[in-house]
Amino acid sequence: TRLLSEAQERPLDLSERASVKLHLMICRGCRNFSS
């Protein structure tokens, strides 16, 4: 959720984007937060 918030202000690097995407695939709560 911290990275999703930061993504509003700056581009995430490759490892951050990959970590977020992986987490969002399995976590509905974080998908809801992102939405």
PDB file of all heavy atoms in Angstrom:
ATOM      1  N   THR A   1       0.827  -1.203   0.000  1.00  0.00           N
ATOM      2  CA  THR A   1       0.000   0.000   0.000  1.00  0.00           C
ATOM      3  C   THR A   1       0.862   1.255   0.000  1.00  0.00           C
ATOM      4  O   THR A   1       0.515   2.248  -0.641  1.00  0.00           O
ATOM      5  CB  THR A   1      -0.992   0.029   1.181  1.00  0.00           C
ATOM      6  OG1 THR A   1      -0.284  -0.123   2.414  1.00  0.00           O
ATOM      7  CG2 THR A   1      -2.036  -1.066   1.031  1.00  0.00           C
ATOM      8  N   ARG A   2       2.010   1.197   0.667  1.00  0.00           N
ATOM      9  CA  ARG A   2       2.942   2.332   0.624  1.00  0.00           C
ATOM     10  C   ARG A   2       3.442   2.540  -0.799  1.00  0.00           C
ATOM     11  O   ARG A   2       3.481   3.670  -1.307  1.00  0.00           O
ATOM     12  CB  ARG A   2       4.118   2.103   1.573  1.00  0.00           C
ATOM     13  CG  ARG A   2       5.129   3.259   1.572  1.00  0.00           C
ATOM     14  CD  ARG A   2       6.355   2.944   2.419  1.00  0.00           C
ATOM     15  NE  ARG A   2       7.032   1.723   2.040  1.00  0.00           N
ATOM     16  CZ  ARG A   2       7.885   1.605   1.005  1.00  0.00           C
ATOM     17  NH1 ARG A   2       8.135   2.655   0.237  1.00  0.00           N
ATOM     18  NH2 ARG A   2       8.467   0.463   0.736  1.00  0.00           N
ATOM     19  N   LEU A   3       3.810   1.453  -1.478  1.00  0.00           N
ATOM     20  CA  LEU A   3       4.297   1.564  -2.856  1.00  0.00           C
ATOM     21  C   LEU A   3       3.198   2.048  -3.803  1.00  0.00           C
ATOM     22  O   LEU A   3       3.458   2.837  -4.716  1.00  0.00           O
ATOM     23  CB  LEU A   3       4.858   0.225  -3.340  1.00  0.00           C
ATOM     24  CG  LEU A   3       6.202  -0.167  -2.754  1.00  0.00           C
ATOM     25  CD1 LEU A   3       6.569  -1.598  -3.138  1.00  0.00           C
ATOM     26  CD2 LEU A   3       7.295   0.802  -3.203  1.00  0.00           C
ATOM     27  N   LEU A   4       1.967   1.582  -3.593  1.00  0.00           N
ATOM     28  CA  LEU A   4       0.861   2.054  -4.422  1.00  0.00           C
ATOM     29  C   LEU A   4       0.657   3.554  -4.237  1.00  0.00           C
ATOM     30  O   LEU A   4       0.383   4.274  -5.201  1.00  0.00           O
ATOM     31  CB  LEU A   4      -0.422   1.288  -4.089  1.00  0.00           C
ATOM     32  CG  LEU A   4      -0.464  -0.160  -4.558  1.00  0.00           C
ATOM     33  CD1 LEU A   4      -1.645  -0.893  -3.929  1.00  0.00           C
ATOM     34  CD2 LEU A   4      -0.519  -0.247  -6.072  1.00  0.00           C
ATOM     35  N   SER A   5       0.801   4.023  -3.020  1.00  0.00           N
ATOM     36  CA  SER A   5       0.689   5.459  -2.757  1.00  0.00           C
ATOM     37  C   SER A   5       1.841   6.215  -3.411  1.00  0.00           C
ATOM     38  O   SER A   5       1.637   7.266  -4.029  1.00  0.00           O
ATOM     39  CB  SER A   5       0.678   5.732  -1.258  1.00  0.00           C
ATOM     40  OG  SER A   5      -0.457   5.175  -0.659  1.00  0.00           O
ATOM     41  N   GLU A   6       3.039   5.677  -3.299  1.00  0.00           N
ATOM     42  CA  GLU A   6       4.203   6.323  -3.911  1.00  0.00           C
ATOM     43  C   GLU A   6       4.106   6.336  -5.428  1.00  0.00           C
ATOM     44  O   GLU A   6       4.607   7.258  -6.078  1.00  0.00           O
ATOM     45  CB  GLU A   6       5.492   5.618  -3.477  1.00  0.00           C
ATOM     46  CG  GLU A   6       5.895   5.917  -2.057  1.00  0.00           C
ATOM     47  CD  GLU A   6       7.221   5.283  -1.679  1.00  0.00           C
ATOM     48  OE1 GLU A   6       8.000   4.896  -2.569  1.00  0.00           O
ATOM     49  OE2 GLU A   6       7.471   5.172  -0.470  1.00  0.00           O
ATOM     50  N   ALA A   7       3.459   5.316  -6.005  1.00  0.00           N
ATOM     51  CA  ALA A   7       3.317   5.242  -7.460  1.00  0.00           C
ATOM     52  C   ALA A   7       2.494   6.407  -8.005  1.00  0.00           C
ATOM     53  O   ALA A   7       2.579   6.730  -9.191  1.00  0.00           O
ATOM     54  CB  ALA A   7       2.686   3.916  -7.866  1.00  0.00           C
ATOM     55  N   GLN A   8       1.713   7.049  -7.156  1.00  0.00           N
ATOM     56  CA  GLN A   8       0.951   8.222  -7.573  1.00  0.00           C
ATOM     57  C   GLN A   8       1.876   9.422  -7.793  1.00  0.00           C
ATOM     58  O   GLN A   8       1.541  10.336  -8.543  1.00  0.00           O
ATOM     59  CB  GLN A   8      -0.108   8.582  -6.523  1.00  0.00           C
ATOM     60  CG  GLN A   8      -1.100   7.496  -6.218  1.00  0.00           C
ATOM     61  CD  GLN A   8      -2.025   7.204  -7.375  1.00  0.00           C
ATOM     62  OE1 GLN A   8      -2.487   8.114  -8.052  1.00  0.00           O
ATOM     63  NE2 GLN A   8      -2.292   5.938  -7.599  1.00  0.00           N
ATOM     64  N   GLU A   9       3.028   9.397  -7.142  1.00  0.00           N
ATOM     65  CA  GLU A   9       3.955  10.535  -7.181  1.00  0.00           C
ATOM     66  C   GLU A   9       5.208  10.294  -8.015  1.00  0.00           C
ATOM     67  O   GLU A   9       5.812  11.238  -8.501  1.00  0.00           O
ATOM     68  CB  GLU A   9       4.395  10.898  -5.754  1.00  0.00           C
ATOM     69  CG  GLU A   9       3.246  11.198  -4.811  1.00  0.00           C
ATOM     70  CD  GLU A   9       2.456  12.413  -5.257  1.00  0.00           C
ATOM     71  OE1 GLU A   9       3.060  13.374  -5.767  1.00  0.00           O
ATOM     72  OE2 GLU A   9       1.217  12.381  -5.114  1.00  0.00           O
ATOM     73  N   ARG A  10       5.586   9.034  -8.151  1.00  0.00           N
ATOM     74  CA  ARG A  10       6.828   8.726  -8.871  1.00  0.00           C
ATOM     75  C   ARG A  10       6.689   7.358  -9.536  1.00  0.00           C
ATOM     76  O   ARG A  10       5.909   6.525  -9.085  1.00  0.00           O
ATOM     77  CB  ARG A  10       8.019   8.708  -7.925  1.00  0.00           C
ATOM     78  CG  ARG A  10       7.986   7.549  -6.927  1.00  0.00           C
ATOM     79  CD  ARG A  10       9.291   7.403  -6.152  1.00  0.00           C
ATOM     80  NE  ARG A  10       9.213   6.321  -5.184  1.00  0.00           N
ATOM     81  CZ  ARG A  10       9.523   5.053  -5.439  1.00  0.00           C
ATOM     82  NH1 ARG A  10       9.919   4.693  -6.642  1.00  0.00           N
ATOM     83  NH2 ARG A  10       9.440   4.127  -4.501  1.00  0.00           N
ATOM     84  N   PRO A  11       7.453   7.152 -10.615  1.00  0.00           N
ATOM     85  CA  PRO A  11       7.426   5.820 -11.233  1.00  0.00           C
ATOM     86  C   PRO A  11       8.158   4.814 -10.343  1.00  0.00           C
ATOM     87  O   PRO A  11       9.212   5.125  -9.777  1.00  0.00           O
ATOM     88  CB  PRO A  11       8.162   6.012 -12.558  1.00  0.00           C
ATOM     89  CG  PRO A  11       8.738   7.369 -12.550  1.00  0.00           C
ATOM     90  CD  PRO A  11       8.244   8.110 -11.357  1.00  0.00           C
ATOM     91  N   LEU A  12       7.583   3.640 -10.197  1.00  0.00           N
ATOM     92  CA  LEU A  12       8.233   2.585  -9.419  1.00  0.00           C
ATOM     93  C   LEU A  12       9.295   1.922 -10.279  1.00  0.00           C
ATOM     94  O   LEU A  12       9.141   1.810 -11.493  1.00  0.00           O
ATOM     95  CB  LEU A  12       7.211   1.548  -8.967  1.00  0.00           C
ATOM     96  CG  LEU A  12       6.074   2.046  -8.076  1.00  0.00           C
ATOM     97  CD1 LEU A  12       5.128   0.890  -7.745  1.00  0.00           C
ATOM     98  CD2 LEU A  12       6.597   2.684  -6.814  1.00  0.00           C
ATOM     99  N   ASP A  13      10.374   1.473  -9.629  1.00  0.00           N
ATOM    100  CA  ASP A  13      11.395   0.766 -10.399  1.00  0.00           C
ATOM    101  C   ASP A  13      10.916  -0.654 -10.696  1.00  0.00           C
ATOM    102  O   ASP A  13       9.873  -1.097 -10.215  1.00  0.00           O
ATOM    103  CB  ASP A  13      12.756   0.786  -9.694  1.00  0.00           C
ATOM    104  CG  ASP A  13      12.792   0.035  -8.381  1.00  0.00           C
ATOM    105  OD1 ASP A  13      12.111  -0.996  -8.259  1.00  0.00           O
ATOM    106  OD2 ASP A  13      13.531   0.473  -7.481  1.00  0.00           O
ATOM    107  N   LEU A  14      11.668  -1.361 -11.511  1.00  0.00           N
ATOM    108  CA  LEU A  14      11.247  -2.679 -11.993  1.00  0.00           C
ATOM    109  C   LEU A  14      10.962  -3.659 -10.859  1.00  0.00           C
ATOM    110  O   LEU A  14       9.936  -4.344 -10.862  1.00  0.00           O
ATOM    111  CB  LEU A  14      12.312  -3.258 -12.928  1.00  0.00           C
ATOM    112  CG  LEU A  14      12.000  -4.616 -13.540  1.00  0.00           C
ATOM    113  CD1 LEU A  14      10.742  -4.553 -14.381  1.00  0.00           C
ATOM    114  CD2 LEU A  14      13.178  -5.105 -14.364  1.00  0.00           C
ATOM    115  N   SER A  15      11.829  -3.722  -9.863  1.00  0.00           N
ATOM    116  CA  SER A  15      11.624  -4.673  -8.763  1.00  0.00           C
ATOM    117  C   SER A  15      10.397  -4.300  -7.927  1.00  0.00           C
ATOM    118  O   SER A  15       9.656  -5.174  -7.476  1.00  0.00           O
ATOM    119  CB  SER A  15      12.859  -4.777  -7.875  1.00  0.00           C
ATOM    120  OG  SER A  15      13.120  -3.555  -7.224  1.00  0.00           O
ATOM    121  N   GLU A  16      10.166  -2.998  -7.737  1.00  0.00           N
ATOM    122  CA  GLU A  16       8.984  -2.564  -6.994  1.00  0.00           C
ATOM    123  C   GLU A  16       7.707  -2.914  -7.753  1.00  0.00           C
ATOM    124  O   GLU A  16       6.750  -3.427  -7.164  1.00  0.00           O
ATOM    125  CB  GLU A  16       9.035  -1.051  -6.744  1.00  0.00           C
ATOM    126  CG  GLU A  16      10.099  -0.626  -5.756  1.00  0.00           C
ATOM    127  CD  GLU A  16      10.267   0.877  -5.695  1.00  0.00           C
ATOM    128  OE1 GLU A  16      10.079   1.570  -6.719  1.00  0.00           O
ATOM    129  OE2 GLU A  16      10.599   1.368  -4.605  1.00  0.00           O
ATOM    130  N   ARG A  17       7.691  -2.640  -9.063  1.00  0.00           N
ATOM    131  CA  ARG A  17       6.510  -2.970  -9.870  1.00  0.00           C
ATOM    132  C   ARG A  17       6.229  -4.465  -9.855  1.00  0.00           C
ATOM    133  O   ARG A  17       5.076  -4.894  -9.731  1.00  0.00           O
ATOM    134  CB  ARG A  17       6.691  -2.496 -11.314  1.00  0.00           C
ATOM    135  CG  ARG A  17       6.507  -1.015 -11.498  1.00  0.00           C
ATOM    136  CD  ARG A  17       6.384  -0.611 -12.958  1.00  0.00           C
ATOM    137  NE  ARG A  17       7.305  -1.263 -13.867  1.00  0.00           N
ATOM    138  CZ  ARG A  17       8.492  -0.803 -14.240  1.00  0.00           C
ATOM    139  NH1 ARG A  17       8.917   0.353 -13.766  1.00  0.00           N
ATOM    140  NH2 ARG A  17       9.245  -1.460 -15.085  1.00  0.00           N
ATOM    141  N   ALA A  18       7.280  -5.265  -9.972  1.00  0.00           N
ATOM    142  CA  ALA A  18       7.106  -6.723  -9.972  1.00  0.00           C
ATOM    143  C   ALA A  18       6.558  -7.200  -8.634  1.00  0.00           C
ATOM    144  O   ALA A  18       5.654  -8.044  -8.586  1.00  0.00           O
ATOM    145  CB  ALA A  18       8.435  -7.411 -10.288  1.00  0.00           C
ATOM    146  N   SER A  19       7.093  -6.677  -7.546  1.00  0.00           N
ATOM    147  CA  SER A  19       6.611  -7.056  -6.218  1.00  0.00           C
ATOM    148  C   SER A  19       5.147  -6.689  -6.020  1.00  0.00           C
ATOM    149  O   SER A  19       4.364  -7.472  -5.486  1.00  0.00           O
ATOM    150  CB  SER A  19       7.442  -6.371  -5.124  1.00  0.00           C
ATOM    151  OG  SER A  19       8.759  -6.813  -5.149  1.00  0.00           O
ATOM    152  N   VAL A  20       4.783  -5.497  -6.463  1.00  0.00           N
ATOM    153  CA  VAL A  20       3.405  -5.043  -6.323  1.00  0.00           C
ATOM    154  C   VAL A  20       2.477  -5.922  -7.167  1.00  0.00           C
ATOM    155  O   VAL A  20       1.439  -6.383  -6.686  1.00  0.00           O
ATOM    156  CB  VAL A  20       3.256  -3.552  -6.711  1.00  0.00           C
ATOM    157  CG1 VAL A  20       1.801  -3.154  -6.862  1.00  0.00           C
ATOM    158  CG2 VAL A  20       3.941  -2.666  -5.678  1.00  0.00           C
ATOM    159  N   LYS A  21       2.848  -6.183  -8.418  1.00  0.00           N
ATOM    160  CA  LYS A  21       2.002  -7.005  -9.287  1.00  0.00           C
ATOM    161  C   LYS A  21       1.811  -8.405  -8.709  1.00  0.00           C
ATOM    162  O   LYS A  21       0.699  -8.934  -8.726  1.00  0.00           O
ATOM    163  CB  LYS A  21       2.601  -7.092 -10.695  1.00  0.00           C
ATOM    164  CG  LYS A  21       2.352  -5.848 -11.496  1.00  0.00           C
ATOM    165  CD  LYS A  21       2.820  -6.013 -12.920  1.00  0.00           C
ATOM    166  CE  LYS A  21       2.532  -4.744 -13.693  1.00  0.00           C
ATOM    167  NZ  LYS A  21       2.644  -4.927 -15.124  1.00  0.00           N
ATOM    168  N   LEU A  22       2.886  -8.995  -8.214  1.00  0.00           N
ATOM    169  CA  LEU A  22       2.795 -10.331  -7.627  1.00  0.00           C
ATOM    170  C   LEU A  22       1.852 -10.318  -6.427  1.00  0.00           C
ATOM    171  O   LEU A  22       0.974 -11.163  -6.299  1.00  0.00           O
ATOM    172  CB  LEU A  22       4.176 -10.830  -7.215  1.00  0.00           C
ATOM    173  CG  LEU A  22       4.219 -12.185  -6.521  1.00  0.00           C
ATOM    174  CD1 LEU A  22       3.738 -13.279  -7.468  1.00  0.00           C
ATOM    175  CD2 LEU A  22       5.624 -12.486  -6.041  1.00  0.00           C
ATOM    176  N   HIS A  23       2.021  -9.342  -5.562  1.00  0.00           N
ATOM    177  CA  HIS A  23       1.179  -9.246  -4.369  1.00  0.00           C
ATOM    178  C   HIS A  23      -0.289  -9.024  -4.755  1.00  0.00           C
ATOM    179  O   HIS A  23      -1.180  -9.638  -4.166  1.00  0.00           O
ATOM    180  CB  HIS A  23       1.675  -8.114  -3.468  1.00  0.00           C
ATOM    181  CG  HIS A  23       0.949  -8.035  -2.166  1.00  0.00           C
ATOM    182  ND1 HIS A  23       1.383  -8.687  -1.036  1.00  0.00           N
ATOM    183  CD2 HIS A  23      -0.191  -7.389  -1.826  1.00  0.00           C
ATOM    184  CE1 HIS A  23       0.537  -8.442  -0.051  1.00  0.00           C
ATOM    185  NE2 HIS A  23      -0.430  -7.648  -0.501  1.00  0.00           N
ATOM    186  N   LEU A  24      -0.530  -8.153  -5.737  1.00  0.00           N
ATOM    187  CA  LEU A  24      -1.902  -7.860  -6.138  1.00  0.00           C
ATOM    188  C   LEU A  24      -2.600  -9.076  -6.743  1.00  0.00           C
ATOM    189  O   LEU A  24      -3.824  -9.187  -6.682  1.00  0.00           O
ATOM    190  CB  LEU A  24      -1.943  -6.691  -7.126  1.00  0.00           C
ATOM    191  CG  LEU A  24      -1.580  -5.321  -6.551  1.00  0.00           C
ATOM    192  CD1 LEU A  24      -1.585  -4.270  -7.650  1.00  0.00           C
ATOM    193  CD2 LEU A  24      -2.503  -4.928  -5.420  1.00  0.00           C
ATOM    194  N   MET A  25      -1.832  -9.998  -7.307  1.00  0.00           N
ATOM    195  CA  MET A  25      -2.435 -11.211  -7.871  1.00  0.00           C
ATOM    196  C   MET A  25      -3.064 -12.085  -6.797  1.00  0.00           C
ATOM    197  O   MET A  25      -4.029 -12.801  -7.054  1.00  0.00           O
ATOM    198  CB  MET A  25      -1.390 -12.027  -8.633  1.00  0.00           C
ATOM    199  CG  MET A  25      -1.073 -11.462  -9.988  1.00  0.00           C
ATOM    200  SD  MET A  25      -0.120 -12.604 -10.983  1.00  0.00           S
ATOM    201  CE  MET A  25       1.534 -12.109 -10.587  1.00  0.00           C
ATOM    202  N   ILE A  26      -2.524 -12.011  -5.567  1.00  0.00           N
ATOM    203  CA  ILE A  26      -3.014 -12.908  -4.520  1.00  0.00           C
ATOM    204  C   ILE A  26      -3.769 -12.204  -3.395  1.00  0.00           C
ATOM    205  O   ILE A  26      -4.391 -12.861  -2.586  1.00  0.00           O
ATOM    206  CB  ILE A  26      -1.860 -13.742  -3.921  1.00  0.00           C
ATOM    207  CG1 ILE A  26      -0.830 -12.844  -3.260  1.00  0.00           C
ATOM    208  CG2 ILE A  26      -1.229 -14.623  -4.963  1.00  0.00           C
ATOM    209  CD1 ILE A  26       0.183 -13.596  -2.438  1.00  0.00           C
ATOM    210  N   CYS A  27      -3.736 -10.879  -3.371  1.00  0.00           N
ATOM    211  CA  CYS A  27      -4.333 -10.158  -2.240  1.00  0.00           C
ATOM    212  C   CYS A  27      -5.482  -9.254  -2.699  1.00  0.00           C
ATOM    213  O   CYS A  27      -5.265  -8.184  -3.259  1.00  0.00           O
ATOM    214  CB  CYS A  27      -3.270  -9.333  -1.526  1.00  0.00           C
ATOM    215  SG  CYS A  27      -3.901  -8.468  -0.076  1.00  0.00           S
ATOM    216  N   ARG A  28      -6.681  -9.702  -2.437  1.00  0.00           N
ATOM    217  CA  ARG A  28      -7.870  -8.935  -2.836  1.00  0.00           C
ATOM    218  C   ARG A  28      -7.962  -7.601  -2.078  1.00  0.00           C
ATOM    219  O   ARG A  28      -8.387  -6.592  -2.641  1.00  0.00           O
ATOM    220  CB  ARG A  28      -9.122  -9.757  -2.591  1.00  0.00           C
ATOM    221  CG  ARG A  28     -10.385  -9.007  -2.976  1.00  0.00           C
ATOM    222  CD  ARG A  28     -11.377  -9.921  -3.645  1.00  0.00           C
ATOM    223  NE  ARG A  28     -12.554  -9.196  -4.038  1.00  0.00           N
ATOM    224  CZ  ARG A  28     -12.775  -8.772  -5.280  1.00  0.00           C
ATOM    225  NH1 ARG A  28     -11.884  -9.009  -6.213  1.00  0.00           N
ATOM    226  NH2 ARG A  28     -13.882  -8.129  -5.577  1.00  0.00           N
ATOM    227  N   GLY A  29      -7.562  -7.585  -0.827  1.00  0.00           N
ATOM    228  CA  GLY A  29      -7.608  -6.346  -0.052  1.00  0.00           C
ATOM    229  C   GLY A  29      -6.746  -5.257  -0.668  1.00  0.00           C
ATOM    230  O   GLY A  29      -7.173  -4.100  -0.768  1.00  0.00           O
ATOM    231  N   CYS A  30      -5.565  -5.615  -1.109  1.00  0.00           N
ATOM    232  CA  CYS A  30      -4.683  -4.628  -1.735  1.00  0.00           C
ATOM    233  C   CYS A  30      -5.177  -4.247  -3.129  1.00  0.00           C
ATOM    234  O   CYS A  30      -5.010  -3.105  -3.555  1.00  0.00           O
ATOM    235  CB  CYS A  30      -3.242  -5.144  -1.780  1.00  0.00           C
ATOM    236  SG  CYS A  30      -2.465  -5.142  -0.148  1.00  0.00           S
ATOM    237  N   ARG A  31      -5.813  -5.195  -3.844  1.00  0.00           N
ATOM    238  CA  ARG A  31      -6.433  -4.847  -5.126  1.00  0.00           C
ATOM    239  C   ARG A  31      -7.545  -3.829  -4.897  1.00  0.00           C
ATOM    240  O   ARG A  31      -7.689  -2.875  -5.659  1.00  0.00           O
ATOM    241  CB  ARG A  31      -6.989  -6.092  -5.831  1.00  0.00           C
ATOM    242  CG  ARG A  31      -5.942  -6.917  -6.512  1.00  0.00           C
ATOM    243  CD  ARG A  31      -6.543  -7.920  -7.497  1.00  0.00           C
ATOM    244  NE  ARG A  31      -7.599  -8.747  -6.955  1.00  0.00           N
ATOM    245  CZ  ARG A  31      -7.423  -9.906  -6.329  1.00  0.00           C
ATOM    246  NH1 ARG A  31      -6.201 -10.380  -6.154  1.00  0.00           N
ATOM    247  NH2 ARG A  31      -8.454 -10.602  -5.886  1.00  0.00           N
ATOM    248  N   ASN A  32      -8.328  -4.021  -3.852  1.00  0.00           N
ATOM    249  CA  ASN A  32      -9.388  -3.055  -3.520  1.00  0.00           C
ATOM    250  C   ASN A  32      -8.792  -1.692  -3.181  1.00  0.00           C
ATOM    251  O   ASN A  32      -9.306  -0.658  -3.618  1.00  0.00           O
ATOM    252  CB  ASN A  32     -10.244  -3.557  -2.359  1.00  0.00           C
ATOM    253  CG  ASN A  32     -11.162  -4.685  -2.760  1.00  0.00           C
ATOM    254  OD1 ASN A  32     -11.485  -4.852  -3.921  1.00  0.00           O
ATOM    255  ND2 ASN A  32     -11.574  -5.479  -1.787  1.00  0.00           N
ATOM    256  N   PHE A  33      -7.714  -1.691  -2.397  1.00  0.00           N
ATOM    257  CA  PHE A  33      -7.049  -0.437  -2.050  1.00  0.00           C
ATOM    258  C   PHE A  33      -6.573   0.273  -3.315  1.00  0.00           C
ATOM    259  O   PHE A  33      -6.781   1.478  -3.485  1.00  0.00           O
ATOM    260  CB  PHE A  33      -5.867  -0.693  -1.110  1.00  0.00           C
ATOM    261  CG  PHE A  33      -5.086   0.542  -0.780  1.00  0.00           C
ATOM    262  CD1 PHE A  33      -5.522   1.408   0.202  1.00  0.00           C
ATOM    263  CD2 PHE A  33      -3.913   0.846  -1.455  1.00  0.00           C
ATOM    264  CE1 PHE A  33      -4.811   2.562   0.506  1.00  0.00           C
ATOM    265  CE2 PHE A  33      -3.200   1.989  -1.162  1.00  0.00           C
ATOM    266  CZ  PHE A  33      -3.645   2.846  -0.179  1.00  0.00           C
ATOM    267  N   SER A  34      -5.955  -0.482  -4.217  1.00  0.00           N
ATOM    268  CA  SER A  34      -5.462   0.087  -5.466  1.00  0.00           C
ATOM    269  C   SER A  34      -6.604   0.673  -6.287  1.00  0.00           C
ATOM    270  O   SER A  34      -6.498   1.774  -6.833  1.00  0.00           O
ATOM    271  CB  SER A  34      -4.725  -0.991  -6.270  1.00  0.00           C
ATOM    272  OG  SER A  34      -4.271  -0.472  -7.491  1.00  0.00           O
ATOM    273  N   SER A  35      -7.705  -0.051  -6.352  1.00  0.00           N
ATOM    274  CA  SER A  35      -8.880   0.417  -7.084  1.00  0.00           C
ATOM    275  C   SER A  35      -9.428   1.703  -6.469  1.00  0.00           C
ATOM    276  O   SER A  35      -9.781   2.647  -7.185  1.00  0.00           O
ATOM    277  CB  SER A  35      -9.943  -0.672  -7.083  1.00  0.00           C
ATOM    278  OG  SER A  35     -11.127  -0.209  -7.659  1.00  0.00           O
TER     279      SER A  35
END
